[in-house]
Protein backbone atom coordinates (compact mmCIF):
# COMPACT_ATOMS: atom_id res chain seq x y z
CA UNK A 1 0.00 0.00 0.00
CA UNK A 2 2.96 2.27 0.64
CA UNK A 3 4.14 1.60 -2.91
CA UNK A 4 0.75 2.63 -4.24
CA UNK A 5 1.09 6.01 -2.52
CA UNK A 6 -1.32 5.47 0.34
CA UNK A 7 -0.73 7.52 3.49
CA UNK A 8 -0.25 5.92 6.88
CA UNK A 9 -3.74 7.08 7.83
CA UNK A 10 -5.28 5.44 4.75
CA UNK A 11 -3.40 2.20 5.37
CA UNK A 12 -4.37 2.25 9.04
CA UNK A 13 -8.04 2.68 8.22
CA UNK A 14 -8.03 -0.26 5.79
CA UNK A 15 -6.19 -2.53 8.23
CA UNK A 16 -8.03 -1.36 11.38
CA UNK A 17 -4.82 -0.08 12.96
CA UNK A 18 -3.69 3.31 14.17
CA UNK A 19 -1.63 5.49 11.85
CA UNK A 20 1.17 5.42 14.44
CA UNK A 21 1.22 1.60 14.31
CA UNK A 22 1.53 1.66 10.52
CA UNK A 23 4.38 4.19 10.76
CA UNK A 24 6.12 2.06 13.39
CA UNK A 25 5.81 -1.12 11.31
CA UNK A 26 7.16 0.67 8.22
CA UNK A 27 10.04 2.19 10.18
CA UNK A 28 11.01 -1.12 11.78
CA UNK A 29 10.84 -2.93 8.46
CA UNK A 30 12.99 -0.40 6.65
CA UNK A 31 15.50 -0.40 9.51
CA UNK A 32 15.79 -4.19 9.49
CA UNK A 33 16.32 -4.13 5.72
CA UNK A 34 18.95 -1.39 6.01
CA UNK A 35 16.85 1.06 4.01
CA UNK A 36 16.34 4.76 4.70
CA UNK A 37 13.39 6.02 2.70
CA UNK A 38 9.97 5.03 1.38
CA UNK A 39 11.45 5.15 -2.11
CA UNK A 40 14.12 2.64 -1.10
CA UNK A 41 11.43 0.44 0.43
CA UNK A 42 9.38 0.48 -2.78
CA UNK A 43 12.49 -0.22 -4.88
CA UNK A 44 13.33 -3.18 -2.64
CA UNK A 45 9.78 -4.56 -2.93
CA UNK A 46 9.95 -4.30 -6.73
CA UNK A 47 13.35 -6.01 -6.93
CA UNK A 48 12.21 -8.85 -4.68
CA UNK A 49 8.99 -9.37 -6.62
CA UNK A 50 6.79 -8.41 -3.69
CA UNK A 51 4.96 -5.92 -5.89
CA UNK A 52 4.67 -5.53 -9.64
CA UNK A 53 5.27 -2.40 -11.66
CA UNK A 54 2.04 -1.25 -13.30
C-alpha atoms as a PDB file:
ATOM      1  CA  UNK A   1       0.000   0.000   0.000  1.00  0.00           C
ATOM      2  CA  UNK A   2       2.956   2.270   0.644  1.00  0.00           C
ATOM      3  CA  UNK A   3       4.136   1.601  -2.905  1.00  0.00           C
ATOM      4  CA  UNK A   4       0.745   2.635  -4.236  1.00  0.00           C
ATOM      5  CA  UNK A   5       1.089   6.011  -2.525  1.00  0.00           C
ATOM      6  CA  UNK A   6      -1.315   5.472   0.345  1.00  0.00           C
ATOM      7  CA  UNK A   7      -0.732   7.521   3.486  1.00  0.00           C
ATOM      8  CA  UNK A   8      -0.247   5.918   6.876  1.00  0.00           C
ATOM      9  CA  UNK A   9      -3.739   7.080   7.827  1.00  0.00           C
ATOM     10  CA  UNK A  10      -5.279   5.441   4.749  1.00  0.00           C
ATOM     11  CA  UNK A  11      -3.402   2.197   5.371  1.00  0.00           C
ATOM     12  CA  UNK A  12      -4.369   2.253   9.038  1.00  0.00           C
ATOM     13  CA  UNK A  13      -8.038   2.675   8.216  1.00  0.00           C
ATOM     14  CA  UNK A  14      -8.033  -0.257   5.786  1.00  0.00           C
ATOM     15  CA  UNK A  15      -6.186  -2.530   8.228  1.00  0.00           C
ATOM     16  CA  UNK A  16      -8.030  -1.358  11.379  1.00  0.00           C
ATOM     17  CA  UNK A  17      -4.817  -0.084  12.960  1.00  0.00           C
ATOM     18  CA  UNK A  18      -3.690   3.313  14.171  1.00  0.00           C
ATOM     19  CA  UNK A  19      -1.627   5.489  11.850  1.00  0.00           C
ATOM     20  CA  UNK A  20       1.166   5.423  14.437  1.00  0.00           C
ATOM     21  CA  UNK A  21       1.223   1.602  14.312  1.00  0.00           C
ATOM     22  CA  UNK A  22       1.526   1.662  10.522  1.00  0.00           C
ATOM     23  CA  UNK A  23       4.376   4.185  10.756  1.00  0.00           C
ATOM     24  CA  UNK A  24       6.121   2.060  13.391  1.00  0.00           C
ATOM     25  CA  UNK A  25       5.809  -1.125  11.306  1.00  0.00           C
ATOM     26  CA  UNK A  26       7.155   0.665   8.224  1.00  0.00           C
ATOM     27  CA  UNK A  27      10.038   2.194  10.177  1.00  0.00           C
ATOM     28  CA  UNK A  28      11.013  -1.125  11.778  1.00  0.00           C
ATOM     29  CA  UNK A  29      10.840  -2.930   8.460  1.00  0.00           C
ATOM     30  CA  UNK A  30      12.986  -0.399   6.645  1.00  0.00           C
ATOM     31  CA  UNK A  31      15.497  -0.396   9.506  1.00  0.00           C
ATOM     32  CA  UNK A  32      15.788  -4.195   9.486  1.00  0.00           C
ATOM     33  CA  UNK A  33      16.319  -4.129   5.725  1.00  0.00           C
ATOM     34  CA  UNK A  34      18.948  -1.388   6.006  1.00  0.00           C
ATOM     35  CA  UNK A  35      16.849   1.058   4.006  1.00  0.00           C
ATOM     36  CA  UNK A  36      16.345   4.760   4.699  1.00  0.00           C
ATOM     37  CA  UNK A  37      13.389   6.016   2.700  1.00  0.00           C
ATOM     38  CA  UNK A  38       9.973   5.025   1.381  1.00  0.00           C
ATOM     39  CA  UNK A  39      11.451   5.145  -2.113  1.00  0.00           C
ATOM     40  CA  UNK A  40      14.123   2.640  -1.105  1.00  0.00           C
ATOM     41  CA  UNK A  41      11.432   0.436   0.432  1.00  0.00           C
ATOM     42  CA  UNK A  42       9.384   0.478  -2.776  1.00  0.00           C
ATOM     43  CA  UNK A  43      12.490  -0.222  -4.880  1.00  0.00           C
ATOM     44  CA  UNK A  44      13.332  -3.182  -2.637  1.00  0.00           C
ATOM     45  CA  UNK A  45       9.785  -4.559  -2.933  1.00  0.00           C
ATOM     46  CA  UNK A  46       9.953  -4.300  -6.734  1.00  0.00           C
ATOM     47  CA  UNK A  47      13.352  -6.011  -6.926  1.00  0.00           C
ATOM     48  CA  UNK A  48      12.207  -8.847  -4.676  1.00  0.00           C
ATOM     49  CA  UNK A  49       8.991  -9.373  -6.622  1.00  0.00           C
ATOM     50  CA  UNK A  50       6.792  -8.414  -3.694  1.00  0.00           C
ATOM     51  CA  UNK A  51       4.959  -5.920  -5.892  1.00  0.00           C
ATOM     52  CA  UNK A  52       4.672  -5.525  -9.638  1.00  0.00           C
ATOM     53  CA  UNK A  53       5.270  -2.399 -11.660  1.00  0.00           C
ATOM     54  CA  UNK A  54       2.043  -1.247 -13.296  1.00  0.00           C
END
